[in-house]
N, C-alpha and C. Protein backbone atom coordinates (compact mmCIF):
# COMPACT_ATOMS: atom_id res chain seq x y z
N MET A 1 0.31 -1.60 0.36
CA MET A 1 0.05 0.01 0.20
C MET A 1 0.70 1.22 -0.01
N GLN A 2 0.49 2.21 -1.38
CA GLN A 2 1.45 3.19 -0.95
C GLN A 2 0.66 4.40 0.18
N ARG A 3 2.13 4.91 0.92
CA ARG A 3 2.17 5.83 2.03
C ARG A 3 1.72 7.07 1.37
N ILE A 4 1.01 8.15 2.17
CA ILE A 4 0.80 9.32 1.81
C ILE A 4 1.70 10.26 2.30
N PRO A 5 2.37 11.40 1.72
CA PRO A 5 3.47 11.58 3.08
C PRO A 5 2.47 12.55 3.93
N GLU A 6 2.74 13.18 5.34
CA GLU A 6 2.13 13.96 5.99
C GLU A 6 2.84 15.44 5.39
N PRO A 7 1.48 16.22 5.36
CA PRO A 7 1.73 17.64 5.20
C PRO A 7 2.29 17.92 6.10
N GLN A 8 3.30 19.34 5.66
CA GLN A 8 3.92 19.90 6.74
C GLN A 8 3.59 21.00 6.82
N PRO A 9 3.02 21.55 7.62
CA PRO A 9 2.66 22.80 8.31
C PRO A 9 4.28 23.40 8.67
N SER A 10 3.89 25.45 8.13
CA SER A 10 4.78 25.61 8.61
C SER A 10 5.65 25.69 10.10
N VAL A 11 6.58 26.47 10.91
CA VAL A 11 7.55 26.31 12.09
C VAL A 11 6.28 26.64 12.55
N TRP A 12 6.00 27.78 12.30
CA TRP A 12 5.31 28.96 13.37
C TRP A 12 3.90 28.48 13.90
N GLN A 13 3.30 28.01 12.04
CA GLN A 13 1.94 26.45 13.07
C GLN A 13 2.26 25.93 14.03
N ARG A 14 3.28 25.53 13.46
CA ARG A 14 2.95 24.19 14.30
C ARG A 14 3.46 24.71 16.15
N VAL A 15 3.96 26.15 16.33
CA VAL A 15 3.96 26.23 17.47
C VAL A 15 2.88 27.71 17.88
N LEU A 16 2.05 27.99 16.74
CA LEU A 16 0.64 28.60 17.58
C LEU A 16 -0.23 27.59 17.41
N GLN A 17 0.17 26.56 16.58
CA GLN A 17 -1.29 25.96 16.97
C GLN A 17 -1.54 24.23 17.16
N ASP A 18 0.01 24.12 17.29
CA ASP A 18 0.04 22.30 17.64
C ASP A 18 0.84 21.95 18.53
N ILE A 19 1.84 23.18 19.47
CA ILE A 19 2.39 22.63 20.74
C ILE A 19 1.61 23.61 21.15
N THR A 20 1.44 25.01 21.27
CA THR A 20 0.88 25.91 22.00
C THR A 20 -0.23 26.29 22.05
N THR A 21 -1.40 26.47 22.76
CA THR A 21 -2.45 26.77 22.75
C THR A 21 -2.74 28.42 22.56
N PRO A 22 -4.17 29.21 22.38
CA PRO A 22 -4.02 30.78 23.16
C PRO A 22 -4.76 30.20 24.56
N PHE A 23 -4.67 29.12 25.11
CA PHE A 23 -5.40 28.95 26.31
C PHE A 23 -3.84 28.96 27.14
N ASP A 24 -2.91 28.42 26.57
CA ASP A 24 -1.62 27.57 26.89
C ASP A 24 -0.66 29.53 26.94
N ARG A 25 -1.40 29.68 25.99
CA ARG A 25 -0.06 31.26 26.02
C ARG A 25 -0.94 32.47 27.53
N ILE A 26 -2.15 32.64 27.09
CA ILE A 26 -2.63 33.41 28.14
C ILE A 26 -2.09 33.15 29.31
N SER A 27 -2.12 31.78 29.77
CA SER A 27 -2.10 30.98 31.20
C SER A 27 -0.88 31.21 31.80
N GLU A 28 -0.06 31.34 30.61
CA GLU A 28 1.60 31.78 31.02
C GLU A 28 1.65 33.39 31.47
N MET A 29 1.27 34.02 30.15
CA MET A 29 0.92 35.61 30.41
C MET A 29 0.03 36.33 32.00
N THR A 30 -0.97 34.79 32.29
CA THR A 30 -1.15 35.04 33.54
C THR A 30 -0.32 35.49 34.34
N TYR A 31 -0.01 33.84 34.93
CA TYR A 31 1.10 34.14 35.58
C TYR A 31 1.87 34.76 35.49
N GLY A 32 2.57 35.13 34.76
CA GLY A 32 2.82 36.74 35.01
C GLY A 32 3.10 37.69 35.07
N VAL A 33 1.73 38.13 35.50
CA VAL A 33 1.13 39.06 36.03
C VAL A 33 0.87 39.11 36.98
N ILE A 34 0.17 37.68 37.90
CA ILE A 34 0.50 37.86 39.31
C ILE A 34 1.53 37.75 39.87
N MET A 35 2.63 36.71 39.32
CA MET A 35 3.74 36.74 40.26
C MET A 35 4.66 38.56 40.21
N THR A 36 3.97 38.85 39.50
CA THR A 36 4.59 40.15 39.34
C THR A 36 4.18 41.19 40.61
N LEU A 37 2.87 41.83 40.54
CA LEU A 37 1.66 41.70 40.97
C LEU A 37 2.17 41.58 42.82
N THR A 38 2.32 39.77 42.82
CA THR A 38 2.59 39.47 44.39
C THR A 38 4.11 40.10 44.07
N ILE A 39 5.02 39.77 43.62
CA ILE A 39 6.43 40.04 44.17
C ILE A 39 6.40 41.90 44.30
N ILE A 40 5.85 42.16 43.83
CA ILE A 40 6.59 43.96 44.11
C ILE A 40 5.24 44.60 45.49
N SER A 41 4.71 43.74 46.28
CA SER A 41 3.41 44.19 47.00
C SER A 41 4.07 43.22 48.22
N VAL A 42 4.47 42.08 47.76
CA VAL A 42 5.09 41.45 49.36
C VAL A 42 6.47 42.36 50.03
N ILE A 43 7.17 42.43 48.23
CA ILE A 43 8.66 42.76 49.01
C ILE A 43 8.21 44.12 49.52
N SER A 44 7.68 45.53 49.02
CA SER A 44 6.89 46.62 49.01
C SER A 44 6.41 46.62 50.99
N ALA A 45 5.90 45.62 51.20
CA ALA A 45 4.65 45.74 52.33
C ALA A 45 6.21 45.06 53.94
N ALA A 46 6.82 44.19 53.16
CA ALA A 46 7.77 43.03 54.03
C ALA A 46 9.04 44.05 54.16
N SER A 47 9.40 45.21 53.53
CA SER A 47 10.94 45.56 53.72
C SER A 47 10.25 47.09 54.62
N GLY A 48 9.44 47.73 53.94
CA GLY A 48 9.11 48.82 54.37
C GLY A 48 9.80 50.23 53.92
N GLY A 49 10.38 49.40 52.57
CA GLY A 49 11.27 51.01 52.12
C GLY A 49 12.25 49.86 51.27
N ALA A 50 12.38 48.63 50.66
CA ALA A 50 12.70 48.27 49.50
C ALA A 50 13.13 49.44 48.56
N SER A 51 13.72 49.29 47.44
CA SER A 51 14.38 50.26 46.54
C SER A 51 13.90 50.03 45.56
N ARG A 52 13.72 50.88 44.33
CA ARG A 52 12.80 50.52 43.26
C ARG A 52 13.60 49.31 42.15
N GLN A 53 14.73 49.69 42.89
CA GLN A 53 16.04 48.53 41.89
C GLN A 53 15.70 46.85 42.17
N ASP A 54 15.40 47.12 43.58
CA ASP A 54 15.41 45.56 44.59
C ASP A 54 13.94 45.31 43.69
N LEU A 55 13.04 46.04 43.95
CA LEU A 55 11.62 45.51 43.39
C LEU A 55 11.63 45.39 41.85
N ILE A 56 12.16 45.77 41.03
CA ILE A 56 12.53 45.55 39.43
C ILE A 56 13.07 44.21 39.75
N VAL A 57 14.36 44.40 40.10
CA VAL A 57 15.01 43.31 40.05
C VAL A 57 14.75 41.86 40.28
N ALA A 58 13.70 42.10 41.24
CA ALA A 58 13.22 40.79 41.89
C ALA A 58 12.00 40.43 40.87
N ALA A 59 10.93 41.35 40.50
CA ALA A 59 10.23 40.78 39.69
C ALA A 59 10.53 40.12 38.55
N LEU A 60 11.38 41.04 37.55
CA LEU A 60 11.47 40.56 36.40
C LEU A 60 12.69 39.41 36.34
N GLY A 61 13.46 39.11 37.69
CA GLY A 61 14.53 38.07 37.62
C GLY A 61 13.20 36.79 38.29
N CYS A 62 12.23 36.76 38.96
CA CYS A 62 11.67 35.69 39.47
C CYS A 62 10.93 35.51 37.89
N ASN A 63 10.74 36.38 37.14
CA ASN A 63 10.05 35.66 35.87
C ASN A 63 10.57 35.05 34.42
N VAL A 64 11.55 35.37 34.64
CA VAL A 64 12.04 34.93 33.84
C VAL A 64 12.94 33.78 34.13
N ALA A 65 12.76 33.43 35.68
CA ALA A 65 13.18 31.98 36.00
C ALA A 65 12.03 31.35 36.09
N TRP A 66 11.10 31.69 35.98
CA TRP A 66 9.47 31.06 36.11
C TRP A 66 9.25 30.93 34.50
N GLY A 67 9.27 31.47 33.89
CA GLY A 67 9.20 31.46 32.78
C GLY A 67 10.17 30.25 32.00
N VAL A 68 11.94 30.33 32.39
CA VAL A 68 12.59 28.83 31.96
C VAL A 68 12.17 27.50 32.75
N VAL A 69 11.92 28.23 33.55
CA VAL A 69 11.04 26.34 33.96
C VAL A 69 10.10 26.01 33.36
N ASP A 70 9.01 27.31 33.14
CA ASP A 70 7.74 26.56 32.69
C ASP A 70 8.57 25.54 30.79
N ALA A 71 9.40 26.63 30.69
CA ALA A 71 9.94 26.17 29.13
C ALA A 71 10.62 24.83 29.39
N LEU A 72 11.39 24.31 29.84
CA LEU A 72 11.68 22.89 30.66
C LEU A 72 10.84 22.04 30.67
N MET A 73 9.77 22.53 31.48
CA MET A 73 8.79 21.27 31.51
C MET A 73 7.78 21.28 30.43
N LEU A 74 8.15 22.55 29.41
CA LEU A 74 7.08 22.17 28.11
C LEU A 74 7.70 20.85 27.08
N LEU A 75 9.14 21.29 26.88
CA LEU A 75 10.15 20.19 26.72
C LEU A 75 9.98 18.90 26.92
N VAL A 76 9.83 18.84 28.72
CA VAL A 76 10.03 17.78 28.93
C VAL A 76 8.11 17.12 28.53
N ARG A 77 7.27 17.31 28.42
CA ARG A 77 5.63 16.81 28.31
C ARG A 77 5.56 17.12 26.73
N LEU A 78 6.32 17.57 25.79
CA LEU A 78 6.13 17.42 24.34
C LEU A 78 6.99 16.01 24.08
N ARG A 79 7.67 15.72 25.35
CA ARG A 79 8.86 14.72 24.98
C ARG A 79 7.74 13.13 24.96
N VAL A 80 7.22 13.50 26.76
CA VAL A 80 6.27 12.37 26.52
C VAL A 80 5.47 12.27 26.13
N GLU A 81 4.66 13.50 25.54
CA GLU A 81 3.55 13.21 24.98
C GLU A 81 3.67 12.32 23.11
N GLN A 82 4.82 12.72 22.71
CA GLN A 82 5.11 12.47 21.27
C GLN A 82 5.67 11.46 21.42
N VAL A 83 6.15 10.54 21.87
CA VAL A 83 6.27 9.18 22.57
C VAL A 83 5.50 8.37 22.54
N HIS A 84 4.25 8.88 23.95
CA HIS A 84 2.96 8.62 24.23
C HIS A 84 2.50 8.42 23.03
N GLN A 85 2.29 8.98 22.46
CA GLN A 85 0.90 9.20 21.19
C GLN A 85 1.87 8.19 19.58
N HIS A 86 3.31 8.05 19.94
CA HIS A 86 3.56 7.62 19.20
C HIS A 86 3.17 6.18 19.19
N GLY A 87 3.37 5.42 20.56
CA GLY A 87 3.05 4.55 20.70
C GLY A 87 1.81 3.75 21.05
N ARG A 88 0.58 4.99 21.14
CA ARG A 88 -0.87 4.45 20.75
C ARG A 88 -1.12 4.42 18.94
N LEU A 89 -0.01 5.18 18.46
CA LEU A 89 -0.93 4.87 16.93
C LEU A 89 -0.14 4.03 16.51
N ARG A 90 1.29 2.96 16.93
CA ARG A 90 1.58 1.85 16.63
C ARG A 90 -0.05 1.15 16.90
N ALA A 91 -1.18 1.38 18.05
CA ALA A 91 -1.40 0.15 18.83
C ALA A 91 -2.37 0.06 17.73
N LEU A 92 -2.60 1.19 17.24
CA LEU A 92 -3.83 1.36 17.00
C LEU A 92 -4.18 0.95 14.80
N ARG A 93 -2.85 1.17 14.45
CA ARG A 93 -2.37 -0.11 13.33
C ARG A 93 -2.78 -1.18 13.30
N GLY A 94 -2.32 -1.83 15.00
CA GLY A 94 -2.37 -3.47 14.66
C GLY A 94 -3.59 -3.93 15.45
N VAL A 95 -4.69 -2.71 15.58
CA VAL A 95 -6.51 -3.50 16.42
C VAL A 95 -6.63 -4.37 14.85
N SER A 96 -7.47 -5.21 15.29
CA SER A 96 -8.16 -6.40 14.48
C SER A 96 -9.86 -6.04 14.27
N SER A 97 -9.96 -5.00 14.75
CA SER A 97 -11.81 -5.14 15.15
C SER A 97 -12.02 -3.57 14.29
N ASP A 98 -12.92 -2.91 13.89
CA ASP A 98 -13.88 -1.29 14.00
C ASP A 98 -13.98 -1.32 15.57
N THR A 99 -13.96 -2.20 16.04
CA THR A 99 -14.80 -1.50 17.14
C THR A 99 -13.61 -1.25 18.56
N ASP A 100 -12.31 -1.85 17.85
CA ASP A 100 -11.07 -1.56 19.16
C ASP A 100 -10.29 -0.34 18.52
N PHE A 101 -10.65 -0.34 17.21
CA PHE A 101 -10.17 0.77 16.87
C PHE A 101 -10.80 1.81 16.72
N ARG A 102 -12.15 2.09 16.47
CA ARG A 102 -13.34 3.16 17.57
C ARG A 102 -12.63 3.53 18.75
N ASP A 103 -12.31 2.42 20.00
CA ASP A 103 -12.03 2.59 20.90
C ASP A 103 -10.75 3.85 21.09
N GLY A 104 -10.12 3.02 19.99
CA GLY A 104 -8.83 3.83 20.22
C GLY A 104 -8.13 5.41 20.03
N LEU A 105 -9.72 5.82 18.44
CA LEU A 105 -9.58 7.23 18.28
C LEU A 105 -9.61 7.79 19.41
N ASP A 106 -10.32 7.44 20.50
CA ASP A 106 -10.99 8.59 21.83
C ASP A 106 -9.52 8.65 22.50
N GLU A 107 -8.69 8.07 21.71
CA GLU A 107 -7.06 8.56 22.29
C GLU A 107 -6.46 10.16 21.23
N PHE A 108 -7.04 10.34 20.30
CA PHE A 108 -6.54 11.24 19.53
C PHE A 108 -8.16 12.10 19.17
N LEU A 109 -9.45 12.01 19.34
CA LEU A 109 -10.64 12.91 18.83
C LEU A 109 -11.47 12.75 20.00
N PRO A 110 -11.95 13.57 19.88
CA PRO A 110 -12.99 13.79 21.44
C PRO A 110 -14.33 12.86 20.99
N PRO A 111 -14.67 12.17 22.60
CA PRO A 111 -15.18 10.57 22.69
C PRO A 111 -16.31 11.21 21.73
N ARG A 112 -17.17 12.33 21.81
CA ARG A 112 -18.24 12.71 21.67
C ARG A 112 -18.05 12.56 20.12
N LEU A 113 -17.02 13.17 19.43
CA LEU A 113 -17.10 12.91 17.73
C LEU A 113 -16.86 11.46 17.39
N VAL A 114 -16.52 10.81 18.35
CA VAL A 114 -15.52 9.05 18.06
C VAL A 114 -17.10 8.34 17.40
N ALA A 115 -17.99 8.86 18.62
CA ALA A 115 -19.21 8.33 18.66
C ALA A 115 -20.00 8.21 17.56
N VAL A 116 -20.37 9.14 16.96
CA VAL A 116 -21.06 9.80 15.64
C VAL A 116 -20.62 9.10 13.91
N LEU A 117 -19.59 8.61 14.32
CA LEU A 117 -18.63 7.99 12.91
C LEU A 117 -19.22 6.94 12.68
N HIS A 118 -19.73 7.15 11.15
CA HIS A 118 -20.49 5.71 10.67
C HIS A 118 -19.58 4.94 10.43
N PRO A 119 -19.58 2.92 10.51
CA PRO A 119 -18.79 2.67 10.03
C PRO A 119 -18.19 2.91 9.02
N ASP A 120 -18.34 3.44 7.93
CA ASP A 120 -17.47 3.86 6.33
C ASP A 120 -16.73 4.87 6.42
N GLU A 121 -16.93 6.19 7.69
CA GLU A 121 -16.27 6.76 7.88
C GLU A 121 -15.27 5.97 9.21
N LEU A 122 -15.27 5.48 9.49
CA LEU A 122 -14.74 4.53 10.08
C LEU A 122 -13.26 3.54 9.16
N TRP A 123 -13.78 2.82 8.72
CA TRP A 123 -13.20 2.57 7.33
C TRP A 123 -12.16 3.16 6.89
N ASN A 124 -12.80 4.31 6.36
CA ASN A 124 -11.97 5.18 5.63
C ASN A 124 -11.23 6.16 6.05
N LEU A 125 -11.08 6.39 7.63
CA LEU A 125 -10.22 6.48 8.64
C LEU A 125 -8.63 5.81 8.51
N ARG A 126 -9.39 4.91 8.53
CA ARG A 126 -8.30 3.56 9.18
C ARG A 126 -7.49 2.95 7.75
N GLN A 127 -8.11 3.39 6.85
CA GLN A 127 -7.23 3.57 5.71
C GLN A 127 -6.26 4.06 4.97
N ARG A 128 -6.80 5.47 5.84
CA ARG A 128 -5.72 6.66 6.11
C ARG A 128 -4.61 6.24 6.42
N LEU A 129 -4.75 5.57 7.86
CA LEU A 129 -4.01 5.71 8.58
C LEU A 129 -2.75 4.14 8.22
N MET A 130 -3.26 3.25 7.54
CA MET A 130 -2.31 2.62 7.16
C MET A 130 -1.83 3.36 6.09
N ALA A 131 -1.82 3.87 5.07
CA ALA A 131 -1.48 4.48 4.14
C ALA A 131 -0.43 5.01 4.74
N SER A 132 -0.62 5.52 5.63
CA SER A 132 0.23 7.22 6.56
C SER A 132 1.42 6.45 7.09
N GLU A 133 2.80 7.19 7.48
CA GLU A 133 3.59 6.86 8.02
C GLU A 133 3.00 7.16 9.77
N LEU A 134 2.56 7.11 9.88
CA LEU A 134 1.76 7.49 11.26
C LEU A 134 2.16 6.74 12.12
N GLY A 135 2.30 6.59 13.14
CA GLY A 135 3.06 5.26 14.27
C GLY A 135 4.20 3.84 13.63
N THR A 136 4.96 4.57 12.34
CA THR A 136 6.00 3.52 12.01
C THR A 136 7.27 3.87 12.12
N GLY A 137 7.97 3.72 12.75
CA GLY A 137 9.42 3.95 12.67
C GLY A 137 9.61 3.98 14.32
N GLN A 138 10.28 5.65 14.75
CA GLN A 138 10.84 5.71 15.73
C GLN A 138 10.00 7.37 16.10
N PRO A 139 9.61 7.57 16.78
CA PRO A 139 9.15 8.81 17.47
C PRO A 139 10.35 10.29 16.83
N ARG A 140 9.54 10.93 15.90
CA ARG A 140 10.84 12.23 16.00
C ARG A 140 10.91 12.81 16.24
N GLY A 141 12.16 14.02 16.27
CA GLY A 141 12.38 15.07 17.21
C GLY A 141 10.92 15.99 16.98
N GLY A 142 11.00 17.21 17.67
CA GLY A 142 10.14 18.09 17.92
C GLY A 142 10.85 19.07 16.59
N GLY A 143 12.05 19.03 16.45
CA GLY A 143 12.53 19.98 15.65
C GLY A 143 12.54 21.47 15.95
N ALA A 144 12.44 22.11 15.08
CA ALA A 144 13.13 23.92 15.65
C ALA A 144 11.69 24.26 16.49
N ALA A 145 10.75 24.21 15.94
CA ALA A 145 9.21 24.73 16.48
C ALA A 145 9.39 24.39 17.95
N VAL A 146 10.19 23.27 18.14
CA VAL A 146 9.61 22.84 19.80
C VAL A 146 10.35 23.90 20.40
N TRP A 147 11.85 24.06 19.80
CA TRP A 147 12.48 25.62 20.83
C TRP A 147 12.04 26.55 20.59
N LEU A 148 11.32 26.82 19.55
CA LEU A 148 10.73 28.15 19.47
C LEU A 148 9.63 27.76 20.49
N ALA A 149 9.06 27.05 20.43
CA ALA A 149 7.85 27.25 21.47
C ALA A 149 8.37 27.49 22.91
N ALA A 150 9.09 27.03 23.08
CA ALA A 150 9.68 27.01 24.71
C ALA A 150 9.97 28.33 25.02
N LEU A 151 11.18 29.37 23.42
CA LEU A 151 11.39 30.34 23.62
C LEU A 151 10.54 30.93 23.69
N LEU A 152 9.05 31.03 23.00
CA LEU A 152 7.99 31.54 23.40
C LEU A 152 7.44 31.91 25.02
N ILE A 153 7.23 30.52 25.31
CA ILE A 153 6.65 30.39 26.23
C ILE A 153 7.68 31.50 27.65
N VAL A 154 9.39 31.23 27.53
CA VAL A 154 10.22 32.38 27.95
C VAL A 154 9.85 33.75 28.61
N LEU A 155 9.40 34.05 26.86
CA LEU A 155 9.12 36.04 25.99
C LEU A 155 8.06 36.29 26.63
N LEU A 156 6.93 35.66 26.27
CA LEU A 156 5.64 35.76 27.64
C LEU A 156 5.79 35.82 28.64
N VAL A 157 6.28 35.09 29.33
CA VAL A 157 6.52 35.62 30.88
C VAL A 157 7.35 36.34 31.43
N SER A 158 8.25 36.59 31.07
CA SER A 158 9.07 37.84 31.02
C SER A 158 9.21 39.18 30.29
N GLY A 159 8.53 38.71 29.11
CA GLY A 159 7.50 40.46 28.38
C GLY A 159 6.74 40.71 29.32
N ILE A 160 5.45 39.79 30.35
CA ILE A 160 4.47 40.26 30.97
C ILE A 160 4.66 41.46 31.94
N THR A 161 5.99 41.22 32.44
CA THR A 161 6.32 41.82 33.67
C THR A 161 6.84 43.91 33.21
N LEU A 162 7.33 43.80 31.89
CA LEU A 162 7.32 45.30 31.59
C LEU A 162 6.61 45.92 31.67
N PRO A 163 5.51 45.78 31.17
CA PRO A 163 4.69 47.44 31.67
C PRO A 163 4.21 47.63 33.30
N LEU A 164 4.73 46.16 33.78
CA LEU A 164 4.22 46.66 35.43
C LEU A 164 5.52 46.89 36.03
N ILE A 165 6.37 46.60 35.53
CA ILE A 165 7.37 47.69 36.11
C ILE A 165 7.90 48.54 36.19
N LEU A 166 7.24 49.37 35.01
CA LEU A 166 7.69 50.43 33.91
C LEU A 166 7.55 52.05 35.23
N PRO A 167 5.77 51.94 35.60
CA PRO A 167 5.88 52.67 37.14
C PRO A 167 6.85 52.94 37.75
N LEU A 168 7.11 51.72 38.34
CA LEU A 168 8.19 51.74 39.72
C LEU A 168 10.07 52.59 38.70
N TRP A 169 9.53 52.72 37.76
CA TRP A 169 10.77 53.26 37.01
C TRP A 169 10.91 54.91 36.74
N LEU A 170 9.28 54.87 36.82
CA LEU A 170 9.40 55.90 36.01
C LEU A 170 8.21 57.37 36.90
N VAL A 171 7.99 56.99 37.53
CA VAL A 171 6.65 57.61 38.82
C VAL A 171 7.56 57.95 40.18
N PRO A 172 7.57 59.38 40.46
CA PRO A 172 8.70 59.94 41.13
C PRO A 172 7.90 58.79 42.91
N ASP A 173 7.26 59.10 42.73
CA ASP A 173 6.22 58.89 44.13
C ASP A 173 5.81 57.25 44.36
N GLU A 174 6.22 56.51 45.12
CA GLU A 174 6.92 55.67 45.25
C GLU A 174 5.33 54.46 45.33
N LEU A 175 4.44 55.01 46.70
CA LEU A 175 3.35 54.73 46.86
C LEU A 175 2.43 54.61 45.44
N MET A 176 2.55 56.16 45.13
CA MET A 176 1.60 55.65 43.42
C MET A 176 2.21 54.71 42.71
N ALA A 177 3.52 54.99 42.95
CA ALA A 177 4.20 53.90 41.91
C ALA A 177 3.71 52.52 41.47
N LEU A 178 3.95 52.18 42.60
CA LEU A 178 3.23 50.94 43.15
C LEU A 178 1.67 50.22 43.01
N ARG A 179 0.57 51.70 42.94
CA ARG A 179 -0.84 51.31 43.10
C ARG A 179 -0.41 51.77 41.20
N ILE A 180 0.15 52.56 40.96
CA ILE A 180 -0.37 52.43 39.23
C ILE A 180 -0.14 50.94 38.77
N ALA A 181 1.06 50.55 39.06
CA ALA A 181 1.30 49.23 38.62
C ALA A 181 0.25 48.43 38.94
N GLN A 182 -0.09 47.89 40.22
CA GLN A 182 -1.16 47.17 40.28
C GLN A 182 -2.93 47.42 39.60
N GLY A 183 -2.61 48.83 39.31
CA GLY A 183 -4.00 49.40 38.52
C GLY A 183 -3.89 48.85 37.05
N ILE A 184 -2.26 48.04 36.39
CA ILE A 184 -2.03 47.74 35.15
C ILE A 184 -1.96 46.75 35.02
N GLY A 185 -1.96 46.25 36.03
CA GLY A 185 -1.76 44.42 36.34
C GLY A 185 -3.76 44.16 36.15
N VAL A 186 -4.68 44.60 37.02
CA VAL A 186 -5.46 44.52 36.89
C VAL A 186 -6.31 44.50 35.45
N VAL A 187 -5.98 45.76 34.70
CA VAL A 187 -6.52 45.83 33.37
C VAL A 187 -6.27 44.67 32.42
N MET A 188 -4.51 44.48 32.68
CA MET A 188 -3.69 43.09 32.06
C MET A 188 -4.62 42.27 31.88
N LEU A 189 -5.47 42.20 33.42
CA LEU A 189 -6.18 40.59 33.97
C LEU A 189 -7.06 40.70 33.42
N PHE A 190 -7.92 41.96 33.13
CA PHE A 190 -9.09 42.04 32.06
C PHE A 190 -8.73 41.98 30.54
N GLY A 191 -7.81 42.19 30.12
CA GLY A 191 -7.50 42.24 28.84
C GLY A 191 -7.34 40.28 28.60
N LEU A 192 -6.80 40.19 29.02
CA LEU A 192 -6.28 38.93 29.00
C LEU A 192 -7.62 37.73 29.42
N GLY A 193 -8.31 38.01 30.23
CA GLY A 193 -9.84 37.58 30.27
C GLY A 193 -10.30 37.70 29.13
N TRP A 194 -10.24 39.06 28.30
CA TRP A 194 -11.66 39.22 27.59
C TRP A 194 -10.92 38.11 25.86
N LEU A 195 -9.25 38.29 26.15
CA LEU A 195 -8.93 37.86 25.00
C LEU A 195 -9.45 35.96 25.36
N LEU A 196 -9.15 35.39 25.87
CA LEU A 196 -9.69 34.13 26.68
C LEU A 196 -11.42 33.38 25.92
N SER A 197 -11.83 35.00 26.16
CA SER A 197 -12.92 34.70 26.00
C SER A 197 -13.34 34.39 25.23
N ARG A 198 -13.14 35.17 23.64
CA ARG A 198 -13.43 35.86 22.65
C ARG A 198 -12.84 33.85 21.85
N TRP A 199 -11.99 33.63 22.36
CA TRP A 199 -11.18 32.39 21.66
C TRP A 199 -12.38 31.57 22.10
N SER A 200 -12.71 31.20 23.10
CA SER A 200 -12.93 30.37 23.91
C SER A 200 -15.03 30.18 23.17
N GLY A 201 -14.88 31.40 22.68
CA GLY A 201 -16.24 31.33 22.08
C GLY A 201 -17.24 32.01 23.02
N ASP A 202 -16.91 32.57 24.19
CA ASP A 202 -17.66 32.65 25.09
C ASP A 202 -18.00 34.51 25.22
N SER A 203 -18.97 35.24 25.33
CA SER A 203 -18.91 36.11 25.32
C SER A 203 -17.67 37.36 26.91
N PRO A 204 -17.44 38.31 25.58
CA PRO A 204 -16.32 38.63 26.16
C PRO A 204 -16.51 39.27 27.59
N TRP A 205 -17.23 40.19 28.01
CA TRP A 205 -17.41 40.79 29.02
C TRP A 205 -17.62 40.36 30.28
N PRO A 206 -18.70 39.37 30.37
CA PRO A 206 -18.33 38.75 31.44
C PRO A 206 -17.78 37.48 31.39
N GLY A 207 -16.83 37.14 30.63
CA GLY A 207 -15.83 35.78 30.90
C GLY A 207 -14.16 37.18 31.59
N ALA A 208 -14.12 38.47 31.01
CA ALA A 208 -12.94 39.17 31.28
C ALA A 208 -13.26 40.18 32.68
N LEU A 209 -14.71 39.89 32.60
CA LEU A 209 -15.00 40.45 34.60
C LEU A 209 -14.86 40.21 35.43
N GLY A 210 -15.05 37.98 35.00
CA GLY A 210 -14.69 36.69 35.89
C GLY A 210 -13.39 36.63 36.35
N PHE A 211 -12.74 36.64 34.76
CA PHE A 211 -11.40 35.80 34.92
C PHE A 211 -10.51 37.36 35.29
N THR A 212 -11.17 38.56 35.77
CA THR A 212 -10.03 39.76 36.39
C THR A 212 -10.38 39.37 38.00
N ALA A 213 -11.33 38.94 37.62
CA ALA A 213 -12.24 39.07 39.84
C ALA A 213 -11.34 37.70 39.85
N LEU A 214 -11.13 36.60 39.24
CA LEU A 214 -10.39 35.47 39.95
C LEU A 214 -8.81 36.07 39.75
N GLY A 215 -8.23 36.69 38.87
CA GLY A 215 -7.05 36.75 38.50
C GLY A 215 -6.33 38.14 40.13
N VAL A 216 -7.27 38.58 40.91
CA VAL A 216 -7.10 39.59 41.54
C VAL A 216 -7.54 38.39 43.13
N VAL A 217 -8.67 37.97 43.20
CA VAL A 217 -8.67 36.94 43.99
C VAL A 217 -6.82 35.86 44.19
N MET A 218 -6.68 35.93 42.61
CA MET A 218 -5.21 34.75 43.08
C MET A 218 -4.05 35.71 43.72
N THR A 219 -3.81 36.98 43.61
CA THR A 219 -3.20 37.56 43.99
C THR A 219 -2.90 38.13 45.07
N GLY A 220 -4.04 38.30 45.69
CA GLY A 220 -4.67 38.83 47.15
C GLY A 220 -4.13 37.25 47.87
N LEU A 221 -4.48 36.26 47.19
CA LEU A 221 -4.33 34.65 48.04
C LEU A 221 -2.92 34.73 47.97
N CYS A 222 -1.66 34.61 47.05
CA CYS A 222 -0.02 34.34 47.04
C CYS A 222 0.06 35.55 47.67
N ILE A 223 -0.10 37.31 47.91
CA ILE A 223 0.12 37.91 48.35
C ILE A 223 -0.08 37.41 49.91
N ALA A 224 -1.25 36.94 50.59
CA ALA A 224 -1.51 37.26 52.17
C ALA A 224 -0.20 35.93 52.74
N LEU A 225 -0.28 34.71 51.46
CA LEU A 225 0.74 33.94 51.44
C LEU A 225 2.42 34.00 51.58
N GLY A 226 2.33 35.44 51.66
CA GLY A 226 3.88 36.04 51.72
C GLY A 226 4.82 35.45 49.98
N GLY A 227 3.86 35.15 48.57
CA GLY A 227 4.45 35.05 48.02
C GLY A 227 4.48 34.17 47.81
């Protein structure tokens, strides 16, 4: 049976569609906002007079470190998922009945979608799998897209810090600078909630307001626990 070559998406298509989702990217930026607000608030309260440089370095350093940790965990997760899915595809190629093939599809397709597939659609899908290279040979590496995705995570978590620490650098009054930074953080949470709601298909206003409230509560909890 002739093999059907797999379509090859562009590197950035893989990064933005296959490797990371909008939820992943928005979540990473949300972590960055919450961590920055927590750090500058906790250090300001605990020290009773931490220098602006201390706050900026602490916030930026923590988010860069967290971005690196998240990026490394992304690389680990992608490798584990790649090996796991390769094994499942190999097993799916070897099933002997349509029932087993249908059950195995739950690993790759939503169960509700699998449940409505007709027998002829299952047969066509099975033939296409057998004609492809999926589940054959050894698991492939992720290539440049995996490393770009990891770099993207670092940049998202680190970059989201900059608008929050900018008032600490530009505003003369320290208390006012802190309040402006906190206000910017609330606005950013609202914007991230709006984007998340739009992506999910939900109503943006209620979703953004609810996400903002949740972010403020999580930030307050982190501050109450000492960061």
